[in-house]
């Protein structure tokens, strides 16, 4: 079974900014995977996602749920959204380490 999450319907925005927005997408995707084998996150109508939102969404999944990352796919991403999601996934651990270093300082 496949579930599609329309980001623009969940957040009602064309720009996804901030950790709160990223958390909403992440929690929606993780919850949908309880009942579905695949979740498609559809970014139709979304022009941009910030680094913090992308890290909170995909970076946390990479760090906290690495076994499910292969069950999540993306559709209708603008080049900017696709690039930021890829960056956040590839750099998930580096961002996490940098955040902890700033807190410890």
N, C-alpha and C. Protein backbone atom coordinates (compact mmCIF):
# COMPACT_ATOMS: atom_id res chain seq x y z
N UNK A 1 0.84 -1.19 0.00
CA UNK A 1 0.00 0.00 0.00
C UNK A 1 0.88 1.24 0.00
N UNK A 2 0.45 2.25 -0.75
CA UNK A 2 1.20 3.50 -0.86
C UNK A 2 0.33 4.65 -0.36
N UNK A 3 0.95 5.56 0.38
CA UNK A 3 0.28 6.76 0.87
C UNK A 3 1.00 7.97 0.30
N UNK A 4 0.24 8.95 -0.15
CA UNK A 4 0.83 10.20 -0.64
C UNK A 4 0.48 11.32 0.32
N UNK A 5 1.50 12.08 0.71
CA UNK A 5 1.33 13.25 1.56
C UNK A 5 1.54 14.48 0.71
N UNK A 6 0.52 15.31 0.58
CA UNK A 6 0.60 16.57 -0.15
C UNK A 6 1.09 17.64 0.82
N UNK A 7 2.33 18.04 0.70
CA UNK A 7 2.92 18.99 1.64
C UNK A 7 2.16 20.31 1.65
N UNK A 8 1.76 20.79 0.48
CA UNK A 8 1.06 22.08 0.43
C UNK A 8 -0.30 22.02 1.12
N UNK A 9 -0.91 20.84 1.22
CA UNK A 9 -2.17 20.71 1.94
C UNK A 9 -1.95 20.59 3.44
N UNK A 10 -0.87 19.94 3.83
CA UNK A 10 -0.56 19.76 5.25
C UNK A 10 -0.15 21.09 5.87
N UNK A 11 0.68 21.85 5.15
CA UNK A 11 1.22 23.09 5.71
C UNK A 11 0.61 24.36 5.14
N UNK A 12 -0.16 24.24 4.06
CA UNK A 12 -0.81 25.39 3.44
C UNK A 12 0.18 26.50 3.12
N UNK A 13 1.33 26.12 2.55
CA UNK A 13 2.36 27.12 2.25
C UNK A 13 3.15 26.69 1.03
N UNK A 14 3.65 27.68 0.30
CA UNK A 14 4.51 27.41 -0.85
C UNK A 14 5.98 27.43 -0.49
N UNK A 15 6.28 27.90 0.71
CA UNK A 15 7.65 27.90 1.21
C UNK A 15 7.63 27.21 2.57
N UNK A 16 8.46 26.20 2.70
CA UNK A 16 8.52 25.43 3.94
C UNK A 16 9.73 25.95 4.73
N UNK A 17 9.44 26.61 5.84
CA UNK A 17 10.50 27.23 6.62
C UNK A 17 10.41 26.80 8.08
N UNK A 18 11.56 26.67 8.70
CA UNK A 18 11.62 26.42 10.13
C UNK A 18 11.46 24.97 10.53
N UNK A 19 11.97 24.68 11.70
CA UNK A 19 11.96 23.32 12.23
C UNK A 19 10.55 22.81 12.48
N UNK A 20 9.63 23.69 12.88
CA UNK A 20 8.25 23.25 13.13
C UNK A 20 7.65 22.64 11.86
N UNK A 21 7.80 23.31 10.74
CA UNK A 21 7.25 22.79 9.48
C UNK A 21 7.90 21.47 9.11
N UNK A 22 9.21 21.36 9.27
CA UNK A 22 9.90 20.11 8.99
C UNK A 22 9.41 18.98 9.88
N UNK A 23 9.15 19.30 11.14
CA UNK A 23 8.65 18.30 12.08
C UNK A 23 7.27 17.80 11.67
N UNK A 24 6.42 18.70 11.22
CA UNK A 24 5.07 18.31 10.79
C UNK A 24 5.15 17.32 9.62
N UNK A 25 6.01 17.61 8.65
CA UNK A 25 6.17 16.70 7.51
C UNK A 25 6.73 15.35 7.97
N UNK A 26 7.77 15.39 8.80
CA UNK A 26 8.40 14.15 9.30
C UNK A 26 7.40 13.30 10.06
N UNK A 27 6.68 13.90 10.98
CA UNK A 27 5.72 13.14 11.77
C UNK A 27 4.61 12.56 10.90
N UNK A 28 4.19 13.29 9.88
CA UNK A 28 3.18 12.78 8.95
C UNK A 28 3.71 11.57 8.19
N UNK A 29 4.94 11.66 7.70
CA UNK A 29 5.53 10.56 6.93
C UNK A 29 5.75 9.33 7.80
N UNK A 30 6.32 9.51 8.97
CA UNK A 30 6.59 8.37 9.87
C UNK A 30 5.27 7.72 10.30
N UNK A 31 4.26 8.50 10.61
CA UNK A 31 2.96 7.95 11.00
C UNK A 31 2.33 7.18 9.85
N UNK A 32 2.44 7.69 8.65
CA UNK A 32 1.85 7.01 7.49
C UNK A 32 2.52 5.66 7.23
N UNK A 33 3.80 5.54 7.57
CA UNK A 33 4.51 4.28 7.35
C UNK A 33 4.04 3.16 8.27
N UNK A 34 3.30 3.48 9.28
CA UNK A 34 2.74 2.44 10.15
C UNK A 34 1.74 1.60 9.36
N UNK A 35 1.00 2.24 8.44
CA UNK A 35 -0.05 1.55 7.70
C UNK A 35 0.27 1.36 6.22
N UNK A 36 1.38 1.91 5.76
CA UNK A 36 1.74 1.84 4.34
C UNK A 36 3.15 1.32 4.18
N UNK A 37 3.39 0.66 3.06
CA UNK A 37 4.75 0.18 2.80
C UNK A 37 5.61 1.28 2.19
N UNK A 38 4.97 2.23 1.50
CA UNK A 38 5.68 3.33 0.84
C UNK A 38 4.93 4.63 1.11
N UNK A 39 5.68 5.69 1.36
CA UNK A 39 5.08 7.03 1.49
C UNK A 39 5.74 7.92 0.44
N UNK A 40 4.90 8.57 -0.34
CA UNK A 40 5.37 9.55 -1.32
C UNK A 40 5.06 10.93 -0.76
N UNK A 41 6.08 11.75 -0.62
CA UNK A 41 5.90 13.11 -0.14
C UNK A 41 5.89 14.01 -1.37
N UNK A 42 4.74 14.57 -1.67
CA UNK A 42 4.52 15.35 -2.88
C UNK A 42 4.70 16.84 -2.58
N UNK A 43 5.66 17.45 -3.24
CA UNK A 43 5.99 18.85 -3.02
C UNK A 43 5.38 19.78 -4.07
N UNK A 44 4.29 19.37 -4.72
CA UNK A 44 3.60 20.24 -5.68
C UNK A 44 3.24 21.55 -5.00
N UNK A 45 3.54 22.66 -5.67
CA UNK A 45 3.20 23.97 -5.13
C UNK A 45 4.17 24.51 -4.10
N UNK A 46 5.21 23.74 -3.78
CA UNK A 46 6.22 24.19 -2.82
C UNK A 46 7.44 24.64 -3.61
N UNK A 47 7.81 25.88 -3.46
CA UNK A 47 8.93 26.44 -4.22
C UNK A 47 10.27 26.31 -3.50
N UNK A 48 10.23 26.30 -2.17
CA UNK A 48 11.48 26.32 -1.41
C UNK A 48 11.28 25.64 -0.06
N UNK A 49 12.35 25.02 0.42
CA UNK A 49 12.39 24.48 1.77
C UNK A 49 13.71 24.94 2.38
N UNK A 50 13.66 25.47 3.57
CA UNK A 50 14.88 25.96 4.20
C UNK A 50 15.72 24.80 4.73
N UNK A 51 16.97 25.11 5.00
CA UNK A 51 17.89 24.10 5.55
C UNK A 51 17.35 23.54 6.86
N UNK A 52 16.86 24.39 7.73
CA UNK A 52 16.38 23.91 9.03
C UNK A 52 15.15 23.01 8.87
N UNK A 53 14.24 23.36 7.98
CA UNK A 53 13.06 22.52 7.75
C UNK A 53 13.45 21.19 7.13
N UNK A 54 14.35 21.21 6.16
CA UNK A 54 14.81 19.98 5.51
C UNK A 54 15.53 19.07 6.49
N UNK A 55 16.36 19.66 7.36
CA UNK A 55 17.06 18.85 8.35
C UNK A 55 16.08 18.25 9.35
N UNK A 56 15.11 19.03 9.79
CA UNK A 56 14.13 18.51 10.75
C UNK A 56 13.29 17.41 10.12
N UNK A 57 13.03 17.50 8.83
CA UNK A 57 12.26 16.47 8.14
C UNK A 57 13.13 15.27 7.80
N UNK A 58 13.99 15.42 6.83
CA UNK A 58 14.72 14.25 6.31
C UNK A 58 15.98 13.95 7.12
N UNK A 59 16.63 14.98 7.64
CA UNK A 59 17.84 14.75 8.44
C UNK A 59 17.54 13.91 9.67
N UNK A 60 16.45 14.24 10.35
CA UNK A 60 16.09 13.45 11.55
C UNK A 60 15.70 12.03 11.20
N UNK A 61 15.05 11.84 10.05
CA UNK A 61 14.72 10.48 9.64
C UNK A 61 16.00 9.70 9.39
N UNK A 62 16.96 10.30 8.71
CA UNK A 62 18.24 9.63 8.46
C UNK A 62 18.91 9.26 9.77
N UNK A 63 18.88 10.17 10.75
CA UNK A 63 19.55 9.92 12.03
C UNK A 63 18.77 8.97 12.93
N UNK A 64 17.47 9.13 13.01
CA UNK A 64 16.67 8.40 14.00
C UNK A 64 15.97 7.16 13.46
N UNK A 65 15.70 7.13 12.17
CA UNK A 65 14.95 6.01 11.58
C UNK A 65 15.61 5.56 10.27
N UNK A 66 16.90 5.24 10.28
CA UNK A 66 17.58 4.93 9.02
C UNK A 66 16.98 3.75 8.26
N UNK A 67 16.31 2.85 8.94
CA UNK A 67 15.74 1.69 8.26
C UNK A 67 14.52 2.03 7.42
N UNK A 68 13.88 3.16 7.66
CA UNK A 68 12.67 3.50 6.89
C UNK A 68 12.93 4.48 5.76
N UNK A 69 14.13 5.03 5.69
CA UNK A 69 14.39 6.06 4.67
C UNK A 69 14.14 5.54 3.26
N UNK A 70 14.39 4.27 3.02
CA UNK A 70 14.16 3.69 1.71
C UNK A 70 12.69 3.51 1.35
N UNK A 71 11.82 3.71 2.32
CA UNK A 71 10.38 3.59 2.09
C UNK A 71 9.70 4.94 1.85
N UNK A 72 10.51 6.00 1.78
CA UNK A 72 10.00 7.35 1.55
C UNK A 72 10.55 7.85 0.22
N UNK A 73 9.65 8.34 -0.62
CA UNK A 73 10.09 8.93 -1.88
C UNK A 73 9.48 10.33 -2.01
N UNK A 74 10.00 11.08 -2.95
CA UNK A 74 9.58 12.47 -3.14
C UNK A 74 9.12 12.65 -4.57
N UNK A 75 8.11 13.50 -4.75
CA UNK A 75 7.64 13.80 -6.10
C UNK A 75 7.40 15.30 -6.24
N UNK A 76 7.43 15.73 -7.49
CA UNK A 76 7.14 17.12 -7.85
C UNK A 76 7.97 18.14 -7.08
N UNK A 77 9.24 17.83 -6.91
CA UNK A 77 10.16 18.75 -6.24
C UNK A 77 10.74 19.74 -7.24
N UNK A 78 10.72 21.01 -6.88
CA UNK A 78 11.44 21.99 -7.69
C UNK A 78 12.93 21.69 -7.54
N UNK A 79 13.77 22.21 -8.43
CA UNK A 79 15.21 21.99 -8.27
C UNK A 79 15.74 22.46 -6.92
N UNK A 80 15.23 23.57 -6.40
CA UNK A 80 15.68 24.07 -5.10
C UNK A 80 15.28 23.12 -3.96
N UNK A 81 14.06 22.63 -4.00
CA UNK A 81 13.58 21.70 -2.97
C UNK A 81 14.37 20.40 -3.05
N UNK A 82 14.53 19.85 -4.24
CA UNK A 82 15.27 18.59 -4.41
C UNK A 82 16.70 18.74 -3.92
N UNK A 83 17.33 19.85 -4.26
CA UNK A 83 18.71 20.08 -3.83
C UNK A 83 18.84 20.18 -2.32
N UNK A 84 17.91 20.87 -1.68
CA UNK A 84 17.98 21.02 -0.23
C UNK A 84 17.69 19.70 0.47
N UNK A 85 16.72 18.92 -0.02
CA UNK A 85 16.44 17.62 0.58
C UNK A 85 17.65 16.69 0.45
N UNK A 86 18.28 16.71 -0.70
CA UNK A 86 19.47 15.88 -0.90
C UNK A 86 20.59 16.33 0.03
N UNK A 87 20.82 17.63 0.12
CA UNK A 87 21.86 18.15 1.01
C UNK A 87 21.58 17.73 2.46
N UNK A 88 20.34 17.87 2.90
CA UNK A 88 19.99 17.54 4.29
C UNK A 88 20.20 16.05 4.56
N UNK A 89 19.86 15.20 3.62
CA UNK A 89 20.05 13.77 3.81
C UNK A 89 21.53 13.41 3.85
N UNK A 90 22.30 13.99 2.95
CA UNK A 90 23.73 13.68 2.87
C UNK A 90 24.51 14.23 4.06
N UNK A 91 24.04 15.31 4.65
CA UNK A 91 24.77 15.97 5.73
C UNK A 91 24.07 15.86 7.08
N UNK A 92 23.17 14.92 7.21
CA UNK A 92 22.37 14.80 8.44
C UNK A 92 23.23 14.69 9.69
N UNK A 93 24.23 13.86 9.66
CA UNK A 93 25.05 13.67 10.85
C UNK A 93 25.95 14.87 11.12
N UNK A 94 26.45 15.52 10.07
CA UNK A 94 27.31 16.69 10.26
C UNK A 94 26.52 17.85 10.87
N UNK A 95 25.28 18.04 10.45
CA UNK A 95 24.44 19.11 11.00
C UNK A 95 24.17 18.82 12.48
N UNK A 96 23.86 17.58 12.81
CA UNK A 96 23.59 17.18 14.18
C UNK A 96 24.81 17.44 15.07
N UNK A 97 25.99 17.08 14.61
CA UNK A 97 27.21 17.29 15.38
C UNK A 97 27.50 18.78 15.56
N UNK A 98 27.29 19.57 14.54
CA UNK A 98 27.52 21.01 14.63
C UNK A 98 26.55 21.66 15.62
N UNK A 99 25.30 21.22 15.62
CA UNK A 99 24.32 21.77 16.56
C UNK A 99 24.72 21.47 17.99
N UNK A 100 25.17 20.26 18.25
CA UNK A 100 25.58 19.90 19.61
C UNK A 100 26.84 20.63 20.03
N UNK A 101 27.74 20.89 19.10
CA UNK A 101 28.95 21.63 19.42
C UNK A 101 28.62 23.07 19.82
N UNK A 102 27.63 23.67 19.15
CA UNK A 102 27.24 25.03 19.49
C UNK A 102 26.57 25.08 20.87
N UNK A 103 25.78 24.07 21.19
CA UNK A 103 25.12 24.03 22.50
C UNK A 103 26.14 23.85 23.61
N UNK A 104 27.15 23.04 23.37
CA UNK A 104 28.17 22.75 24.38
C UNK A 104 29.11 23.94 24.61
N UNK A 105 29.22 24.81 23.62
CA UNK A 105 30.16 25.94 23.73
C UNK A 105 29.68 27.00 24.69
